[in-house]
Protein backbone atom coordinates (compact mmCIF):
# COMPACT_ATOMS: atom_id res chain seq x y z
CA MET A 1 143.44 35.19 56.99
CA LEU A 2 143.24 33.17 60.15
CA VAL A 3 140.72 35.25 61.92
CA HIS A 4 138.39 34.98 59.19
CA PHE A 5 138.42 31.25 59.29
CA PHE A 6 137.43 31.33 63.10
CA TYR A 7 134.90 33.80 62.43
CA GLU A 8 132.99 31.80 59.43
CA MET A 9 133.57 28.50 61.85
CA ASP A 10 131.62 30.46 64.86
CA LYS A 11 128.81 31.54 62.44
CA GLU A 12 128.55 27.84 61.24
CA VAL A 13 128.35 26.58 65.26
CA SER A 14 125.88 29.21 65.80
CA ARG A 15 123.72 28.10 62.68
CA PHE A 16 124.30 24.57 64.00
CA LYS A 17 123.09 25.00 67.47
CA VAL A 18 119.87 26.78 66.35
CA GLU A 19 118.72 24.03 63.99
CA VAL A 20 119.60 21.63 66.61
CA THR A 21 117.36 23.83 69.06
CA LYS A 22 114.58 23.89 66.30
CA ARG A 23 114.52 20.42 65.89
CA LEU A 24 114.50 19.57 69.76
CA TYR A 25 111.68 22.24 70.15
CA ALA A 26 109.78 20.40 67.53
CA LEU A 27 110.17 16.95 69.06
CA HIS A 28 109.25 18.63 72.41
CA GLN A 29 105.99 19.79 71.24
CA GLU A 30 105.13 16.47 69.80
CA LYS A 31 106.11 14.57 72.65
CA PHE A 32 105.40 16.96 76.03
CA GLY A 33 102.64 19.34 74.08
CA GLY A 34 105.08 22.20 74.92
CA ASN A 35 105.15 21.74 78.44
CA ASN A 36 108.74 22.83 79.72
CA VAL A 37 107.83 21.57 83.33
CA HIS A 38 107.33 17.83 81.90
CA LEU A 39 110.44 18.21 79.73
CA ALA A 40 112.43 19.60 82.26
CA GLN A 41 111.56 16.81 84.94
CA ALA A 42 112.30 14.04 82.06
CA CYS A 43 116.01 15.29 81.64
CA GLY A 44 116.59 16.30 85.34
CA CYS A 45 117.16 20.50 84.91
CA SER A 46 115.09 23.13 85.35
CA GLU A 47 112.14 24.54 83.81
CA SER A 48 113.92 27.80 83.35
CA THR A 49 116.58 26.29 81.90
CA ILE A 50 114.48 24.54 79.14
CA ARG A 51 112.66 28.06 78.70
CA ASN A 52 115.60 29.84 78.08
CA ILE A 53 116.95 27.43 75.19
CA PHE A 54 113.87 27.70 73.54
CA ALA A 55 113.70 31.36 73.96
CA ARG A 56 116.30 31.78 71.52
CA LEU A 57 114.26 30.86 68.85
CA LYS A 58 112.44 33.56 69.40
CA ASP A 59 114.95 36.27 69.81
CA LYS A 60 118.87 35.57 69.26
CA ASP A 61 119.53 38.34 72.06
CA LYS A 62 117.39 36.39 74.54
CA GLY A 63 117.85 33.14 76.15
CA GLN A 64 121.08 30.78 76.39
CA ASP A 65 122.93 28.65 73.63
CA ILE A 66 122.26 24.87 73.81
CA THR A 67 125.37 23.12 75.22
CA LEU A 68 126.27 19.47 74.01
CA GLY A 69 125.40 18.00 77.09
CA MET A 70 121.95 19.59 77.46
CA ALA A 71 121.46 18.43 73.69
CA PHE A 72 122.46 14.86 74.93
CA ARG A 73 120.00 15.33 78.11
CA LEU A 74 117.04 16.82 76.08
CA CYS A 75 117.35 13.94 73.39
CA HIS A 76 117.25 11.06 75.81
CA ALA A 77 114.26 12.59 77.70
CA LEU A 78 112.84 13.03 74.02
CA ASP A 79 113.79 9.49 73.23
CA VAL A 80 115.95 10.49 69.84
CA ASN A 81 119.66 10.16 69.24
CA LEU A 82 121.31 13.12 68.81
CA SER A 83 123.02 11.82 66.03
CA ASP A 84 119.66 11.15 64.11
CA LEU A 85 118.63 14.91 65.17
CA VAL A 86 121.79 16.19 63.14
CA LYS A 87 121.55 14.38 59.94
CA GLY A 88 121.45 16.72 56.86
CA LEU A 89 123.11 19.36 58.69
């Protein structure tokens, strides 16, 4: 029973990460025109990190999951609060 609980929780966390990444991607398109280099410079990370995070949206087996720390950095660069971004999830 406990294993099932953790399995369901893991699925929900994965769904949450994907939805947050989708919302960040939409803001990225709006503010930076989809330019990964400019977003990377604004949040102080490499362009490949940005590319890998957004690659997850096209293929769940590619790229990397977004971390909470990176979500905060991206939100700061995109002028949005993480709390506003996750409303309704």
